[in-house]
């Protein structure tokens, strides 16, 4: 087993960092306090980190005693626009913002790994600690890759993890190939003739058109994707009307598309436009589709999957789940990294009796008992790949 901690208080420090970050969450590209806290912890450990990579991102390099490859370990830092509903000592102090996806835990784990590895540089190569901004819908990974300083780090492979409430504490899961869905956003605007609610025969049935289009879109994947090809079209917003006695001339519906295959993604996009036009024509209206590709599929490369699996099996108290994993229809901008570099992404279990809330829930909290698992995973990975002792 990996033996990391000469002093058990090191784990306590990482838990304290996590709770500090939970109290002070920040949204995408506004992680100034978070980045400052990360920079301070890294400098305390002897690093000379760089700030502002991709906006508010931080990268720190640890050079081993001998030359070798450069691998990256990544954590995301941003929070969600959500009001925390659970009462806990370390609850968010910022109204309408909370760490409901566990990025506070990911950041604390990576800080802990950076601290542990800084004391044991007897390896061949370099470790890049990547603290990424703006994972939640704002493509912070892409922004880091597009930063002119990114090539200077010389990263050859990249690894990530995400806490997973679907898995019990003490278990991990990893999947080769597509593991998380591509995510696209879309807006459809219906336009027609509005008027007095008492004279509907002089208007067009905006509400009826919205209802029909919502139903048609909800069943769209059954006509496009095979049962063995997961795909989701979800309506998440409906906006129409401002008064009880006015039939609106315009309606707006919006939502998301999740797919695992590029052909399915393209077919759904085309079918959505055709469906919107057909339904609008039936009601004598016009339709306009604005389709916005966002995150590509997160693809785990085979060699890097094996790397993570081998490291995880060295961690005390952690084992691979007996349940075969299936791709998640959630999305993750780690996908931009693995489009550019070989890499892989692991799910780390956190569920126990006190941590059953799902990701993006106002009741969610990261399970601090998983912090040691995450730190030991990263240290074991570096030892395995770079020959650390």
Protein backbone atom coordinates (compact mmCIF):
# COMPACT_ATOMS: atom_id res chain seq x y z
CA UNK A 1 0.00 0.00 0.00
CA UNK A 2 1.02 3.60 -0.50
CA UNK A 3 2.39 5.13 2.70
CA UNK A 4 2.11 8.88 2.49
CA UNK A 5 1.73 10.60 5.78
CA UNK A 6 4.55 10.93 8.29
CA UNK A 7 2.03 12.90 10.37
CA UNK A 8 -1.73 12.24 10.43
CA UNK A 9 -2.39 15.97 10.80
CA UNK A 10 -1.60 16.31 7.08
CA UNK A 11 -4.98 14.77 6.27
CA UNK A 12 -6.62 17.10 8.79
CA UNK A 13 -5.01 20.05 7.01
CA UNK A 14 -6.49 18.98 3.67
CA UNK A 15 -9.93 18.62 5.28
CA UNK A 16 -9.56 22.11 6.68
CA UNK A 17 -8.66 23.46 3.25
CA UNK A 18 -11.73 21.79 1.77
CA UNK A 19 -14.05 23.30 4.35
CA UNK A 20 -12.54 26.74 3.88
CA UNK A 21 -13.18 26.49 0.15
CA UNK A 22 -16.72 25.27 0.80
CA UNK A 23 -17.42 28.35 2.92
CA UNK A 24 -16.10 30.67 0.19
CA UNK A 25 -17.40 29.39 -3.17
CA UNK A 26 -16.95 31.34 -6.39
CA UNK A 27 -18.50 31.04 -9.83
CA UNK A 28 -16.76 30.43 -13.14
CA UNK A 29 -13.91 32.82 -13.97
CA UNK A 30 -14.49 34.63 -10.66
CA UNK A 31 -12.37 32.24 -8.58
CA UNK A 32 -10.03 35.01 -7.39
CA UNK A 33 -10.19 34.19 -3.68
CA UNK A 34 -10.02 30.47 -4.46
CA UNK A 35 -6.97 30.90 -6.67
CA UNK A 36 -5.31 33.12 -4.07
CA UNK A 37 -5.88 30.42 -1.46
CA UNK A 38 -4.46 27.75 -3.78
CA UNK A 39 -1.43 29.93 -4.55
CA UNK A 40 -0.79 30.48 -0.85
CA UNK A 41 -0.93 26.76 -0.03
CA UNK A 42 1.35 25.91 -2.96
CA UNK A 43 3.93 28.53 -2.00
CA UNK A 44 3.92 27.22 1.55
CA UNK A 45 4.86 23.83 0.09
CA UNK A 46 7.78 25.35 -1.85
CA UNK A 47 6.20 25.77 -5.29
CA UNK A 48 6.43 28.74 -7.65
CA UNK A 49 2.95 28.51 -9.20
CA UNK A 50 1.72 30.49 -12.18
CA UNK A 51 -1.61 32.31 -11.97
CA UNK A 52 -4.04 33.43 -14.65
CA UNK A 53 -3.79 30.42 -16.95
CA UNK A 54 -7.05 30.45 -18.88
CA UNK A 55 -8.42 33.29 -16.75
CA UNK A 56 -8.17 32.36 -13.08
CA UNK A 57 -6.39 29.01 -13.40
CA UNK A 58 -3.24 27.99 -11.54
CA UNK A 59 -0.47 25.63 -12.65
CA UNK A 60 2.43 24.48 -10.47
CA UNK A 61 5.30 22.25 -11.61
CA UNK A 62 7.19 19.76 -9.47
CA UNK A 63 10.43 18.54 -11.04
CA UNK A 64 11.75 15.21 -9.93
CA UNK A 65 15.36 14.37 -9.18
CA UNK A 66 15.87 12.99 -12.68
CA UNK A 67 14.60 13.91 -16.16
CA UNK A 68 11.56 12.17 -17.55
CA UNK A 69 8.03 12.73 -18.91
CA UNK A 70 5.63 15.42 -17.73
CA UNK A 71 2.22 14.31 -16.49
CA UNK A 72 -0.60 16.52 -15.25
CA UNK A 73 -3.08 16.07 -12.41
CA UNK A 74 -6.16 18.26 -12.68
CA UNK A 75 -8.76 19.65 -10.27
CA UNK A 76 -11.62 22.04 -11.01
CA UNK A 77 -12.26 24.99 -8.67
CA UNK A 78 -15.58 26.69 -9.47
CA UNK A 79 -18.92 26.48 -7.67
CA UNK A 80 -22.57 26.62 -8.77
CA UNK A 81 -25.24 29.36 -8.63
CA UNK A 82 -27.25 27.54 -5.97
CA UNK A 83 -28.32 28.37 -2.40
CA UNK A 84 -27.15 25.78 0.12
CA UNK A 85 -30.14 24.35 1.97
CA UNK A 86 -28.42 22.12 4.52
CA UNK A 87 -27.34 23.48 7.88
CA UNK A 88 -23.71 22.62 8.56
CA UNK A 89 -20.84 24.37 10.29
CA UNK A 90 -18.94 24.95 7.05
CA UNK A 91 -21.91 25.95 4.89
CA UNK A 92 -21.47 28.58 2.19
CA UNK A 93 -21.16 32.17 3.38
CA UNK A 94 -22.11 33.53 -0.04
CA UNK A 95 -25.77 33.81 -0.89
CA UNK A 96 -26.78 31.97 -4.02
CA UNK A 97 -23.40 30.26 -4.53
CA UNK A 98 -22.30 26.86 -3.23
CA UNK A 99 -19.98 23.97 -3.94
CA UNK A 100 -22.68 21.52 -4.99
CA UNK A 101 -20.43 19.45 -7.27
CA UNK A 102 -17.50 18.80 -4.96
CA UNK A 103 -14.90 20.95 -6.65
CA UNK A 104 -13.83 22.08 -3.18
CA UNK A 105 -12.92 18.45 -2.48
CA UNK A 106 -11.12 18.02 -5.79
CA UNK A 107 -9.03 21.14 -5.10
CA UNK A 108 -8.18 20.07 -1.55
CA UNK A 109 -7.15 16.62 -2.80
CA UNK A 110 -4.82 18.09 -5.40
CA UNK A 111 -3.34 20.51 -2.88
CA UNK A 112 -2.76 17.59 -0.54
CA UNK A 113 -1.08 15.59 -3.27
CA UNK A 114 1.12 18.57 -4.16
CA UNK A 115 2.17 18.87 -0.54
CA UNK A 116 2.86 15.15 -0.15
CA UNK A 117 4.84 14.88 -3.38
CA UNK A 118 6.91 17.98 -2.62
CA UNK A 119 8.52 16.03 0.23
CA UNK A 120 9.49 13.08 -1.99
CA UNK A 121 11.03 14.15 -5.29
CA UNK A 122 12.95 10.93 -5.96
CA UNK A 123 11.28 10.33 -9.31
CA UNK A 124 12.10 10.82 -12.97
CA UNK A 125 10.02 13.52 -14.64
CA UNK A 126 7.75 16.43 -13.84
CA UNK A 127 4.27 16.66 -12.32
CA UNK A 128 2.03 19.56 -13.36
CA UNK A 129 -0.70 20.39 -10.85
CA UNK A 130 -3.53 21.99 -12.85
CA UNK A 131 -6.14 23.93 -10.89
CA UNK A 132 -8.78 24.70 -13.50
CA UNK A 133 -11.42 27.45 -13.45
CA UNK A 134 -14.90 27.41 -14.91
CA UNK A 135 -15.78 23.75 -15.39
CA UNK A 136 -19.49 24.41 -14.84
CA UNK A 137 -20.62 25.24 -18.36
CA UNK A 138 -17.94 27.82 -19.14
CA UNK A 139 -15.22 25.61 -20.69
CA UNK A 140 -12.34 26.53 -18.42
CA UNK A 141 -10.34 23.55 -19.68
CA UNK A 142 -10.49 24.90 -23.22
CA UNK A 143 -9.46 28.34 -21.96
CA UNK A 144 -6.40 26.84 -20.28
CA UNK A 145 -5.44 24.93 -23.41
CA UNK A 146 -5.76 28.12 -25.47
CA UNK A 147 -3.61 30.14 -23.07
CA UNK A 148 -0.28 30.94 -24.79
CA UNK A 149 1.60 29.74 -21.70
CA UNK A 150 0.08 26.23 -21.75
CA UNK A 151 2.63 24.73 -24.22
CA UNK A 152 5.46 25.86 -21.93
CA UNK A 153 4.42 23.27 -19.35
CA UNK A 154 5.22 20.41 -21.75
CA UNK A 155 2.37 18.21 -20.51
CA UNK A 156 2.26 14.82 -22.22
CA UNK A 157 -0.58 13.07 -20.35
CA UNK A 158 -3.34 14.25 -18.03
CA UNK A 159 -5.43 12.62 -15.31
CA UNK A 160 -8.54 13.72 -13.45
CA UNK A 161 -11.05 12.48 -10.89
CA UNK A 162 -14.56 13.37 -9.81
CA UNK A 163 -16.34 12.47 -6.62
CA UNK A 164 -19.33 10.23 -7.34
CA UNK A 165 -22.27 9.96 -4.91
CA UNK A 166 -23.60 6.97 -6.87
CA UNK A 167 -20.63 4.97 -5.58
CA UNK A 168 -20.12 4.02 -1.94
CA UNK A 169 -17.20 5.53 -0.07
CA UNK A 170 -14.21 3.25 -0.60
CA UNK A 171 -15.05 2.33 -4.19
CA UNK A 172 -13.96 3.70 -7.54
CA UNK A 173 -15.07 3.17 -11.14
CA UNK A 174 -13.42 3.89 -14.46
CA UNK A 175 -14.52 3.29 -18.04
CA UNK A 176 -12.44 3.06 -21.20
CA UNK A 177 -13.68 5.05 -24.20
CA UNK A 178 -16.61 7.48 -23.98
CA UNK A 179 -17.36 7.92 -20.28
CA UNK A 180 -19.33 11.18 -20.15
CA UNK A 181 -21.62 12.72 -22.72
CA UNK A 182 -21.20 15.58 -25.12
CA UNK A 183 -23.37 18.47 -23.98
CA UNK A 184 -25.08 20.99 -26.27
CA UNK A 185 -27.48 23.81 -25.47
CA UNK A 186 -30.37 24.89 -27.65
CA UNK A 187 -33.03 27.61 -27.87
CA UNK A 188 -36.15 27.59 -30.02
CA UNK A 189 -38.25 30.71 -30.54
CA UNK A 190 -41.79 30.43 -31.86
CA UNK A 191 -43.27 33.58 -33.40
CA UNK A 192 -46.84 34.23 -34.50
CA UNK A 193 -49.77 36.58 -33.94
CA UNK A 194 -50.80 37.40 -30.40
CA UNK A 195 -53.84 39.22 -29.11
CA UNK A 196 -56.74 39.32 -26.67
CA UNK A 197 -57.31 36.12 -24.72
CA UNK A 198 -61.05 36.52 -25.20
CA UNK A 199 -60.68 36.35 -28.97
CA UNK A 200 -58.34 33.39 -29.58
CA UNK A 201 -59.77 32.90 -33.10
CA UNK A 202 -57.95 36.10 -34.10
CA UNK A 203 -54.57 34.86 -32.86
CA UNK A 204 -52.34 31.84 -33.17
CA UNK A 205 -52.21 29.23 -30.42
CA UNK A 206 -48.79 29.95 -28.95
CA UNK A 207 -49.36 27.82 -25.85
CA UNK A 208 -50.58 24.88 -27.92
CA UNK A 209 -47.57 25.11 -30.20
CA UNK A 210 -45.20 25.14 -27.19
CA UNK A 211 -46.92 22.10 -25.70
CA UNK A 212 -46.83 20.19 -28.97
CA UNK A 213 -43.19 21.05 -29.61
CA UNK A 214 -42.17 20.07 -26.07
CA UNK A 215 -43.85 16.68 -26.47
CA UNK A 216 -42.30 16.13 -29.89
CA UNK A 217 -38.80 16.97 -28.69
CA UNK A 218 -39.12 14.79 -25.60
CA UNK A 219 -39.69 11.75 -27.82
CA UNK A 220 -37.19 12.69 -30.51
CA UNK A 221 -34.38 10.34 -29.52
CA UNK A 222 -36.60 7.29 -30.02
CA UNK A 223 -36.65 8.07 -33.75
CA UNK A 224 -32.97 9.03 -34.03
CA UNK A 225 -30.84 6.87 -31.76
CA UNK A 226 -30.72 3.10 -31.36
CA UNK A 227 -31.58 1.74 -27.91
CA UNK A 228 -27.92 0.84 -27.49
CA UNK A 229 -26.82 4.43 -28.27
CA UNK A 230 -27.70 6.63 -25.28
CA UNK A 231 -28.99 10.09 -26.17
CA UNK A 232 -31.04 12.67 -24.30
CA UNK A 233 -33.06 15.70 -25.43
CA UNK A 234 -34.39 17.59 -22.42
CA UNK A 235 -36.57 20.70 -22.30
CA UNK A 236 -35.50 22.74 -19.27
CA UNK A 237 -37.07 26.16 -19.90
CA UNK A 238 -40.42 27.40 -21.19
CA UNK A 239 -41.15 31.12 -21.41
CA UNK A 240 -44.35 32.59 -22.82
CA UNK A 241 -46.77 35.31 -21.87
CA UNK A 242 -46.88 38.12 -19.31
CA UNK A 243 -50.59 38.50 -18.47
CA UNK A 244 -53.75 36.46 -17.85
CA UNK A 245 -55.67 38.08 -20.68
CA UNK A 246 -53.05 38.26 -23.43
CA UNK A 247 -52.15 35.48 -25.85
CA UNK A 248 -48.42 35.99 -26.47
CA UNK A 249 -47.06 36.44 -29.96
CA UNK A 250 -43.80 34.71 -29.08
CA UNK A 251 -42.62 31.78 -26.96
CA UNK A 252 -39.16 30.55 -26.08
CA UNK A 253 -38.19 27.05 -25.05
CA UNK A 254 -34.68 25.84 -24.29
CA UNK A 255 -32.80 22.82 -23.07
CA UNK A 256 -29.92 20.43 -23.53
CA UNK A 257 -28.85 17.55 -25.78
CA UNK A 258 -26.56 14.81 -24.47
CA UNK A 259 -24.96 12.25 -26.80
CA UNK A 260 -22.05 9.81 -26.90
CA UNK A 261 -21.64 9.49 -30.68
CA UNK A 262 -20.90 12.37 -33.13
CA UNK A 263 -23.27 10.99 -35.78
CA UNK A 264 -26.12 10.85 -33.28
CA UNK A 265 -25.34 14.40 -32.19
CA UNK A 266 -25.51 15.65 -35.79
CA UNK A 267 -28.71 13.71 -36.53
CA UNK A 268 -30.45 15.08 -33.47
CA UNK A 269 -29.49 18.62 -34.35
CA UNK A 270 -30.93 18.24 -37.85
CA UNK A 271 -34.10 16.55 -36.56
CA UNK A 272 -34.68 19.26 -33.98
CA UNK A 273 -34.70 21.92 -36.66
CA UNK A 274 -37.10 19.92 -38.82
CA UNK A 275 -39.41 19.20 -35.88
CA UNK A 276 -39.51 22.85 -34.83
CA UNK A 277 -40.42 23.95 -38.35
CA UNK A 278 -43.09 21.26 -38.73
CA UNK A 279 -44.81 22.04 -35.44
CA UNK A 280 -44.66 25.78 -36.07
CA UNK A 281 -46.18 25.36 -39.53
CA UNK A 282 -49.01 23.29 -38.09
CA UNK A 283 -49.95 26.24 -35.88
CA UNK A 284 -49.32 28.88 -38.54
CA UNK A 285 -46.20 30.17 -36.81
CA UNK A 286 -42.49 30.48 -37.49
CA UNK A 287 -39.69 28.75 -35.60
CA UNK A 288 -36.01 29.54 -35.18
CA UNK A 289 -33.50 27.07 -33.68
CA UNK A 290 -30.25 28.28 -32.12
CA UNK A 291 -28.12 25.18 -31.46
CA UNK A 292 -24.94 25.69 -29.43
CA UNK A 293 -22.37 22.87 -29.14
CA UNK A 294 -20.69 23.10 -25.74
CA UNK A 295 -18.67 20.17 -24.37
CA UNK A 296 -17.45 17.22 -26.44
CA UNK A 297 -17.58 13.62 -25.22
CA UNK A 298 -15.16 12.85 -22.41
CA UNK A 299 -13.03 10.05 -23.83
CA UNK A 300 -10.82 7.90 -21.62
CA UNK A 301 -7.72 6.55 -23.35
CA UNK A 302 -6.89 2.91 -22.73
CA UNK A 303 -3.32 3.25 -21.46
CA UNK A 304 -4.24 6.04 -19.05
CA UNK A 305 -7.27 4.09 -17.80
CA UNK A 306 -4.90 1.25 -16.93
CA UNK A 307 -2.61 3.76 -15.18
CA UNK A 308 -5.40 5.04 -12.96
CA UNK A 309 -6.76 1.58 -12.23
CA UNK A 310 -3.35 0.32 -11.18
CA UNK A 311 -2.77 3.35 -8.93
CA UNK A 312 -6.22 3.12 -7.35
CA UNK A 313 -5.74 -0.52 -6.41
CA UNK A 314 -2.70 0.50 -4.33
CA UNK A 315 -4.75 2.86 -2.15
CA UNK A 316 -5.59 1.62 1.31
CA UNK A 317 -9.36 1.28 1.74
CA UNK A 318 -10.20 1.72 -1.95
CA UNK A 319 -11.37 -0.97 -4.36
CA UNK A 320 -12.94 -1.08 -7.80
CA UNK A 321 -16.73 -1.29 -7.86
CA UNK A 322 -18.20 -4.70 -8.64
CA UNK A 323 -20.88 -2.99 -10.74
CA UNK A 324 -19.72 -2.50 -14.34
CA UNK A 325 -19.74 1.26 -15.06
CA UNK A 326 -21.80 2.75 -17.85
CA UNK A 327 -21.29 6.16 -19.49
CA UNK A 328 -22.79 9.10 -17.65
CA UNK A 329 -25.04 11.50 -19.53
CA UNK A 330 -23.57 14.26 -17.42
CA UNK A 331 -20.90 16.33 -19.15
CA UNK A 332 -17.40 17.37 -18.13
CA UNK A 333 -14.99 19.80 -19.73
CA UNK A 334 -12.08 17.49 -18.94
CA UNK A 335 -13.15 16.34 -22.41
CA UNK A 336 -11.18 19.21 -23.95
CA UNK A 337 -8.01 17.91 -22.33
CA UNK A 338 -8.46 14.37 -23.61
CA UNK A 339 -9.21 15.69 -27.11
CA UNK A 340 -5.73 17.22 -27.09
CA UNK A 341 -3.79 14.80 -24.87
CA UNK A 342 -3.87 11.17 -23.81
CA UNK A 343 -5.69 11.06 -20.50
CA UNK A 344 -8.29 9.47 -18.28
CA UNK A 345 -10.83 10.37 -15.63
CA UNK A 346 -11.89 8.31 -12.60
CA UNK A 347 -15.03 8.34 -10.46
CA UNK A 348 -14.31 8.28 -6.71
CA UNK A 349 -17.06 7.03 -4.41
CA UNK A 350 -18.24 9.25 -1.53
CA UNK A 351 -21.66 7.87 -0.55
CA UNK A 352 -22.41 6.93 3.04
CA UNK A 353 -25.31 7.52 5.42
CA UNK A 354 -24.46 11.23 5.73
CA UNK A 355 -23.59 11.84 2.08
CA UNK A 356 -26.46 10.63 -0.08
CA UNK A 357 -27.39 13.89 -1.85
CA UNK A 358 -26.74 13.97 -5.57
CA UNK A 359 -24.40 16.31 -7.39
CA UNK A 360 -25.90 19.76 -8.05
CA UNK A 361 -28.28 19.36 -5.09
CA UNK A 362 -28.61 22.13 -2.51
CA UNK A 363 -28.14 19.44 0.16
CA UNK A 364 -24.89 18.08 -1.30
CA UNK A 365 -21.61 18.07 0.60
CA UNK A 366 -18.29 16.46 -0.26
CA UNK A 367 -17.37 13.53 1.96
CA UNK A 368 -14.12 14.43 3.70
CA UNK A 369 -13.38 10.75 4.28
CA UNK A 370 -12.62 10.49 0.54
CA UNK A 371 -9.85 13.09 0.69
CA UNK A 372 -7.22 10.58 1.83
CA UNK A 373 -8.26 8.23 -0.99
CA UNK A 374 -7.82 10.98 -3.58
CA UNK A 375 -4.45 12.14 -2.30
CA UNK A 376 -3.12 8.59 -2.12
CA UNK A 377 -4.40 7.92 -5.64
CA UNK A 378 -2.39 10.83 -7.06
CA UNK A 379 0.75 9.92 -5.15
CA UNK A 380 0.48 6.27 -6.20
CA UNK A 381 0.01 7.35 -9.82
CA UNK A 382 3.16 9.48 -9.75
CA UNK A 383 5.12 6.68 -8.08
CA UNK A 384 3.94 4.19 -10.69
CA UNK A 385 4.55 6.36 -13.75
CA UNK A 386 7.66 8.28 -12.73
CA UNK A 387 9.30 5.79 -10.39
CA UNK A 388 8.98 7.71 -7.15
CA UNK A 389 9.81 6.02 -3.87
